[in-house]
Amino acid sequence: MPRKVRQLRADLRRVGWGVARQAGSHQIWTHPLLPGVEVNLAGRDGTDAHHYQERDVREAVQLAREAQRRHP
């Protein structure tokens, strides 16, 4: 069963990502330790996430955790 978009947003927030800008249902997320890296997440909170959205968020969370280890 796919996760909900709200769960993906919570994952991003938990590791320090924040919404930089939004157009409609598309949110562009950035992280202060990762300049130039953005994650585009679209959809309403209750919508099932697509597999590529889950992959993108998983990779973004991993990048943020690695950056936090380098900059304690």
PDB file of N, CA and C in Angstrom:
ATOM      1  N   MET A   1       0.841  -1.170   0.000  1.00  0.00           N
ATOM      2  CA  MET A   1       0.000   0.000   0.000  1.00  0.00           C
ATOM      3  C   MET A   1       0.897   1.247   0.000  1.00  0.00           C
ATOM      4  N   PRO A   2       0.674   2.168  -0.928  1.00  0.00           N
ATOM      5  CA  PRO A   2       1.520   3.365  -0.989  1.00  0.00           C
ATOM      6  C   PRO A   2       1.293   4.281   0.209  1.00  0.00           C
ATOM      7  N   ARG A   3       2.338   5.008   0.551  1.00  0.00           N
ATOM      8  CA  ARG A   3       2.230   5.984   1.632  1.00  0.00           C
ATOM      9  C   ARG A   3       1.472   7.210   1.133  1.00  0.00           C
ATOM     10  N   LYS A   4       1.042   8.029   2.046  1.00  0.00           N
ATOM     11  CA  LYS A   4       0.332   9.259   1.710  1.00  0.00           C
ATOM     12  C   LYS A   4       1.341  10.400   1.554  1.00  0.00           C
ATOM     13  N   VAL A   5       0.962  11.392   0.769  1.00  0.00           N
ATOM     14  CA  VAL A   5       1.830  12.544   0.549  1.00  0.00           C
ATOM     15  C   VAL A   5       2.127  13.238   1.880  1.00  0.00           C
ATOM     16  N   ARG A   6       1.164  13.271   2.788  1.00  0.00           N
ATOM     17  CA  ARG A   6       1.395  13.906   4.097  1.00  0.00           C
ATOM     18  C   ARG A   6       2.538  13.231   4.844  1.00  0.00           C
ATOM     19  N   GLN A   7       2.676  11.912   4.699  1.00  0.00           N
ATOM     20  CA  GLN A   7       3.754  11.196   5.366  1.00  0.00           C
ATOM     21  C   GLN A   7       5.113  11.559   4.762  1.00  0.00           C
ATOM     22  N   LEU A   8       5.143  11.763   3.455  1.00  0.00           N
ATOM     23  CA  LEU A   8       6.393  12.158   2.810  1.00  0.00           C
ATOM     24  C   LEU A   8       6.808  13.550   3.266  1.00  0.00           C
ATOM     25  N   ARG A   9       5.835  14.458   3.369  1.00  0.00           N
ATOM     26  CA  ARG A   9       6.132  15.816   3.847  1.00  0.00           C
ATOM     27  C   ARG A   9       6.663  15.767   5.276  1.00  0.00           C
ATOM     28  N   ALA A  10       6.089  14.932   6.107  1.00  0.00           N
ATOM     29  CA  ALA A  10       6.546  14.797   7.497  1.00  0.00           C
ATOM     30  C   ALA A  10       7.978  14.276   7.542  1.00  0.00           C
ATOM     31  N   ASP A  11       8.304  13.326   6.672  1.00  0.00           N
ATOM     32  CA  ASP A  11       9.672  12.802   6.607  1.00  0.00           C
ATOM     33  C   ASP A  11      10.660  13.909   6.275  1.00  0.00           C
ATOM     34  N   LEU A  12      10.314  14.758   5.313  1.00  0.00           N
ATOM     35  CA  LEU A  12      11.193  15.856   4.925  1.00  0.00           C
ATOM     36  C   LEU A  12      11.367  16.854   6.074  1.00  0.00           C
ATOM     37  N   ARG A  13      10.270  17.218   6.712  1.00  0.00           N
ATOM     38  CA  ARG A  13      10.338  18.173   7.825  1.00  0.00           C
ATOM     39  C   ARG A  13      11.200  17.637   8.957  1.00  0.00           C
ATOM     40  N   ARG A  14      11.092  16.354   9.228  1.00  0.00           N
ATOM     41  CA  ARG A  14      11.795  15.723  10.343  1.00  0.00           C
ATOM     42  C   ARG A  14      13.311  15.872  10.233  1.00  0.00           C
ATOM     43  N   VAL A  15      13.849  15.932   9.012  1.00  0.00           N
ATOM     44  CA  VAL A  15      15.302  16.027   8.839  1.00  0.00           C
ATOM     45  C   VAL A  15      15.748  17.417   8.396  1.00  0.00           C
ATOM     46  N   GLY A  16      14.856  18.405   8.487  1.00  0.00           N
ATOM     47  CA  GLY A  16      15.275  19.779   8.268  1.00  0.00           C
ATOM     48  C   GLY A  16      14.924  20.421   6.949  1.00  0.00           C
ATOM     49  N   TRP A  17      14.197  19.736   6.080  1.00  0.00           N
ATOM     50  CA  TRP A  17      13.767  20.346   4.827  1.00  0.00           C
ATOM     51  C   TRP A  17      12.623  21.304   5.105  1.00  0.00           C
ATOM     52  N   GLY A  18      12.511  22.337   4.270  1.00  0.00           N
ATOM     53  CA  GLY A  18      11.424  23.297   4.412  1.00  0.00           C
ATOM     54  C   GLY A  18      10.922  23.717   3.039  1.00  0.00           C
ATOM     55  N   VAL A  19       9.698  24.208   2.978  1.00  0.00           N
ATOM     56  CA  VAL A  19       9.105  24.640   1.717  1.00  0.00           C
ATOM     57  C   VAL A  19       9.707  25.987   1.332  1.00  0.00           C
ATOM     58  N   ALA A  20      10.353  26.038   0.169  1.00  0.00           N
ATOM     59  CA  ALA A  20      10.946  27.266  -0.328  1.00  0.00           C
ATOM     60  C   ALA A  20       9.920  28.078  -1.111  1.00  0.00           C
ATOM     61  N   ARG A  21       9.116  27.383  -1.897  1.00  0.00           N
ATOM     62  CA  ARG A  21       8.068  28.049  -2.672  1.00  0.00           C
ATOM     63  C   ARG A  21       7.019  27.017  -3.067  1.00  0.00           C
ATOM     64  N   GLN A  22       5.870  27.542  -3.493  1.00  0.00           N
ATOM     65  CA  GLN A  22       4.767  26.664  -3.852  1.00  0.00           C
ATOM     66  C   GLN A  22       3.983  27.282  -4.998  1.00  0.00           C
ATOM     67  N   ALA A  23       3.549  26.442  -5.921  1.00  0.00           N
ATOM     68  CA  ALA A  23       2.670  26.848  -7.017  1.00  0.00           C
ATOM     69  C   ALA A  23       1.578  25.792  -7.124  1.00  0.00           C
ATOM     70  N   GLY A  24       0.395  26.135  -6.680  1.00  0.00           N
ATOM     71  CA  GLY A  24      -0.685  25.155  -6.673  1.00  0.00           C
ATOM     72  C   GLY A  24      -0.388  24.066  -5.666  1.00  0.00           C
ATOM     73  N   SER A  25      -0.451  22.828  -6.111  1.00  0.00           N
ATOM     74  CA  SER A  25      -0.168  21.717  -5.209  1.00  0.00           C
ATOM     75  C   SER A  25       1.300  21.296  -5.244  1.00  0.00           C
ATOM     76  N   HIS A  26       2.114  21.970  -6.052  1.00  0.00           N
ATOM     77  CA  HIS A  26       3.539  21.651  -6.147  1.00  0.00           C
ATOM     78  C   HIS A  26       4.322  22.459  -5.119  1.00  0.00           C
ATOM     79  N   GLN A  27       5.056  21.745  -4.280  1.00  0.00           N
ATOM     80  CA  GLN A  27       5.911  22.393  -3.294  1.00  0.00           C
ATOM     81  C   GLN A  27       7.357  22.072  -3.622  1.00  0.00           C
ATOM     82  N   ILE A  28       8.198  23.108  -3.582  1.00  0.00           N
ATOM     83  CA  ILE A  28       9.632  22.939  -3.784  1.00  0.00           C
ATOM     84  C   ILE A  28      10.283  23.038  -2.411  1.00  0.00           C
ATOM     85  N   TRP A  29      10.955  21.969  -2.015  1.00  0.00           N
ATOM     86  CA  TRP A  29      11.577  21.867  -0.697  1.00  0.00           C
ATOM     87  C   TRP A  29      13.076  22.054  -0.831  1.00  0.00           C
ATOM     88  N   THR A  30      13.674  22.775   0.139  1.00  0.00           N
ATOM     89  CA  THR A  30      15.123  22.960   0.178  1.00  0.00           C
ATOM     90  C   THR A  30      15.628  22.657   1.583  1.00  0.00           C
ATOM     91  N   HIS A  31      16.927  22.441   1.675  1.00  0.00           N
ATOM     92  CA  HIS A  31      17.567  22.162   2.957  1.00  0.00           C
ATOM     93  C   HIS A  31      18.725  23.132   3.128  1.00  0.00           C
ATOM     94  N   PRO A  32      18.891  23.718   4.316  1.00  0.00           N
ATOM     95  CA  PRO A  32      19.946  24.719   4.506  1.00  0.00           C
ATOM     96  C   PRO A  32      21.367  24.188   4.315  1.00  0.00           C
ATOM     97  N   LEU A  33      21.598  22.917   4.542  1.00  0.00           N
ATOM     98  CA  LEU A  33      22.932  22.346   4.380  1.00  0.00           C
ATOM     99  C   LEU A  33      23.191  21.828   2.970  1.00  0.00           C
ATOM    100  N   LEU A  34      22.183  21.901   2.109  1.00  0.00           N
ATOM    101  CA  LEU A  34      22.310  21.375   0.747  1.00  0.00           C
ATOM    102  C   LEU A  34      21.921  22.448  -0.275  1.00  0.00           C
ATOM    103  N   PRO A  35      22.757  23.466  -0.433  1.00  0.00           N
ATOM    104  CA  PRO A  35      22.403  24.524  -1.395  1.00  0.00           C
ATOM    105  C   PRO A  35      22.346  23.974  -2.819  1.00  0.00           C
ATOM    106  N   GLY A  36      21.345  24.401  -3.546  1.00  0.00           N
ATOM    107  CA  GLY A  36      21.187  23.962  -4.930  1.00  0.00           C
ATOM    108  C   GLY A  36      20.428  22.659  -5.100  1.00  0.00           C
ATOM    109  N   VAL A  37      20.115  21.986  -4.008  1.00  0.00           N
ATOM    110  CA  VAL A  37      19.363  20.731  -4.080  1.00  0.00           C
ATOM    111  C   VAL A  37      17.911  21.021  -3.728  1.00  0.00           C
ATOM    112  N   GLU A  38      17.000  20.593  -4.581  1.00  0.00           N
ATOM    113  CA  GLU A  38      15.573  20.809  -4.359  1.00  0.00           C
ATOM    114  C   GLU A  38      14.808  19.505  -4.547  1.00  0.00           C
ATOM    115  N   VAL A  39      13.697  19.405  -3.844  1.00  0.00           N
ATOM    116  CA  VAL A  39      12.788  18.272  -3.998  1.00  0.00           C
ATOM    117  C   VAL A  39      11.428  18.843  -4.348  1.00  0.00           C
ATOM    118  N   ASN A  40      10.836  18.361  -5.432  1.00  0.00           N
ATOM    119  CA  ASN A  40       9.512  18.791  -5.863  1.00  0.00           C
ATOM    120  C   ASN A  40       8.512  17.734  -5.415  1.00  0.00           C
ATOM    121  N   LEU A  41       7.534  18.152  -4.611  1.00  0.00           N
ATOM    122  CA  LEU A  41       6.527  17.229  -4.096  1.00  0.00           C
ATOM    123  C   LEU A  41       5.153  17.798  -4.405  1.00  0.00           C
ATOM    124  N   ALA A  42       4.362  17.043  -5.136  1.00  0.00           N
ATOM    125  CA  ALA A  42       3.041  17.513  -5.562  1.00  0.00           C
ATOM    126  C   ALA A  42       1.955  16.579  -5.051  1.00  0.00           C
ATOM    127  N   GLY A  43       0.792  17.155  -4.784  1.00  0.00           N
ATOM    128  CA  GLY A  43      -0.360  16.359  -4.376  1.00  0.00           C
ATOM    129  C   GLY A  43      -0.929  16.825  -3.060  1.00  0.00           C
ATOM    130  N   ARG A  44      -2.165  16.474  -2.831  1.00  0.00           N
ATOM    131  CA  ARG A  44      -2.826  16.795  -1.573  1.00  0.00           C
ATOM    132  C   ARG A  44      -2.356  15.825  -0.491  1.00  0.00           C
ATOM    133  N   ASP A  45      -2.537  16.219   0.757  1.00  0.00           N
ATOM    134  CA  ASP A  45      -2.068  15.409   1.880  1.00  0.00           C
ATOM    135  C   ASP A  45      -2.595  13.982   1.860  1.00  0.00           C
ATOM    136  N   GLY A  46      -3.860  13.783   1.549  1.00  0.00           N
ATOM    137  CA  GLY A  46      -4.459  12.454   1.604  1.00  0.00           C
ATOM    138  C   GLY A  46      -4.262  11.612   0.362  1.00  0.00           C
ATOM    139  N   THR A  47      -3.581  12.155  -0.638  1.00  0.00           N
ATOM    140  CA  THR A  47      -3.358  11.436  -1.892  1.00  0.00           C
ATOM    141  C   THR A  47      -2.287  10.370  -1.713  1.00  0.00           C
ATOM    142  N   ASP A  48      -2.470   9.222  -2.346  1.00  0.00           N
ATOM    143  CA  ASP A  48      -1.424   8.198  -2.351  1.00  0.00           C
ATOM    144  C   ASP A  48      -0.216   8.721  -3.111  1.00  0.00           C
ATOM    145  N   ALA A  49       0.969   8.517  -2.539  1.00  0.00           N
ATOM    146  CA  ALA A  49       2.199   8.970  -3.173  1.00  0.00           C
ATOM    147  C   ALA A  49       2.563   8.026  -4.311  1.00  0.00           C
ATOM    148  N   HIS A  50       3.126   8.579  -5.362  1.00  0.00           N
ATOM    149  CA  HIS A  50       3.628   7.776  -6.474  1.00  0.00           C
ATOM    150  C   HIS A  50       4.983   7.195  -6.086  1.00  0.00           C
ATOM    151  N   HIS A  51       5.369   6.123  -6.747  1.00  0.00           N
ATOM    152  CA  HIS A  51       6.631   5.455  -6.410  1.00  0.00           C
ATOM    153  C   HIS A  51       7.822   6.386  -6.589  1.00  0.00           C
ATOM    154  N   TYR A  52       7.792   7.264  -7.593  1.00  0.00           N
ATOM    155  CA  TYR A  52       8.923   8.161  -7.818  1.00  0.00           C
ATOM    156  C   TYR A  52       8.984   9.240  -6.728  1.00  0.00           C
ATOM    157  N   GLN A  53       7.834   9.619  -6.160  1.00  0.00           N
ATOM    158  CA  GLN A  53       7.846  10.576  -5.061  1.00  0.00           C
ATOM    159  C   GLN A  53       8.464   9.949  -3.819  1.00  0.00           C
ATOM    160  N   GLU A  54       8.108   8.711  -3.554  1.00  0.00           N
ATOM    161  CA  GLU A  54       8.693   8.014  -2.407  1.00  0.00           C
ATOM    162  C   GLU A  54      10.198   7.879  -2.582  1.00  0.00           C
ATOM    163  N   ARG A  55      10.640   7.560  -3.785  1.00  0.00           N
ATOM    164  CA  ARG A  55      12.073   7.429  -4.070  1.00  0.00           C
ATOM    165  C   ARG A  55      12.788   8.766  -3.867  1.00  0.00           C
ATOM    166  N   ASP A  56      12.217   9.840  -4.411  1.00  0.00           N
ATOM    167  CA  ASP A  56      12.840  11.164  -4.291  1.00  0.00           C
ATOM    168  C   ASP A  56      12.957  11.594  -2.835  1.00  0.00           C
ATOM    169  N   VAL A  57      11.925  11.363  -2.046  1.00  0.00           N
ATOM    170  CA  VAL A  57      11.953  11.742  -0.637  1.00  0.00           C
ATOM    171  C   VAL A  57      12.950  10.879   0.120  1.00  0.00           C
ATOM    172  N   ARG A  58      12.987   9.598  -0.157  1.00  0.00           N
ATOM    173  CA  ARG A  58      13.947   8.702   0.501  1.00  0.00           C
ATOM    174  C   ARG A  58      15.381   9.163   0.232  1.00  0.00           C
ATOM    175  N   GLU A  59      15.674   9.539  -1.015  1.00  0.00           N
ATOM    176  CA  GLU A  59      17.012  10.023  -1.367  1.00  0.00           C
ATOM    177  C   GLU A  59      17.308  11.361  -0.692  1.00  0.00           C
ATOM    178  N   ALA A  60      16.305  12.238  -0.612  1.00  0.00           N
ATOM    179  CA  ALA A  60      16.488  13.547   0.013  1.00  0.00           C
ATOM    180  C   ALA A  60      16.750  13.402   1.509  1.00  0.00           C
ATOM    181  N   VAL A  61      16.060  12.504   2.159  1.00  0.00           N
ATOM    182  CA  VAL A  61      16.262  12.265   3.584  1.00  0.00           C
ATOM    183  C   VAL A  61      17.669  11.728   3.812  1.00  0.00           C
ATOM    184  N   GLN A  62      18.115  10.831   2.964  1.00  0.00           N
ATOM    185  CA  GLN A  62      19.461  10.275   3.089  1.00  0.00           C
ATOM    186  C   GLN A  62      20.515  11.373   2.898  1.00  0.00           C
ATOM    187  N   LEU A  63      20.332  12.233   1.902  1.00  0.00           N
ATOM    188  CA  LEU A  63      21.262  13.340   1.677  1.00  0.00           C
ATOM    189  C   LEU A  63      21.328  14.263   2.890  1.00  0.00           C
ATOM    190  N   ALA A  64      20.183  14.579   3.459  1.00  0.00           N
ATOM    191  CA  ALA A  64      20.136  15.471   4.617  1.00  0.00           C
ATOM    192  C   ALA A  64      20.833  14.840   5.817  1.00  0.00           C
ATOM    193  N   ARG A  65      20.620  13.576   6.039  1.00  0.00           N
ATOM    194  CA  ARG A  65      21.268  12.899   7.167  1.00  0.00           C
ATOM    195  C   ARG A  65      22.781  12.875   7.001  1.00  0.00           C
ATOM    196  N   GLU A  66      23.248  12.644   5.786  1.00  0.00           N
ATOM    197  CA  GLU A  66      24.695  12.664   5.520  1.00  0.00           C
ATOM    198  C   GLU A  66      25.265  14.062   5.733  1.00  0.00           C
ATOM    199  N   ALA A  67      24.553  15.088   5.297  1.00  0.00           N
ATOM    200  CA  ALA A  67      25.000  16.468   5.475  1.00  0.00           C
ATOM    201  C   ALA A  67      25.035  16.833   6.957  1.00  0.00           C
ATOM    202  N   GLN A  68      24.072  16.362   7.734  1.00  0.00           N
ATOM    203  CA  GLN A  68      24.037  16.649   9.159  1.00  0.00           C
ATOM    204  C   GLN A  68      25.180  15.961   9.887  1.00  0.00           C
ATOM    205  N   ARG A  69      25.590  14.789   9.415  1.00  0.00           N
ATOM    206  CA  ARG A  69      26.737  14.104  10.033  1.00  0.00           C
ATOM    207  C   ARG A  69      28.033  14.864   9.768  1.00  0.00           C
ATOM    208  N   ARG A  70      28.151  15.463   8.585  1.00  0.00           N
ATOM    209  CA  ARG A  70      29.350  16.224   8.232  1.00  0.00           C
ATOM    210  C   ARG A  70      29.400  17.564   8.950  1.00  0.00           C
ATOM    211  N   HIS A  71      28.230  18.147   9.282  1.00  0.00           N
ATOM    212  CA  HIS A  71      28.139  19.451   9.923  1.00  0.00           C
ATOM    213  C   HIS A  71      27.325  19.347  11.207  1.00  0.00           C
ATOM    214  N   PRO A  72      27.929  18.829  12.263  1.00  0.00           N
ATOM    215  CA  PRO A  72      27.168  18.642  13.519  1.00  0.00           C
ATOM    216  C   PRO A  72      26.773  19.933  14.205  1.00  0.00           C
TER     217      PRO A  72
END
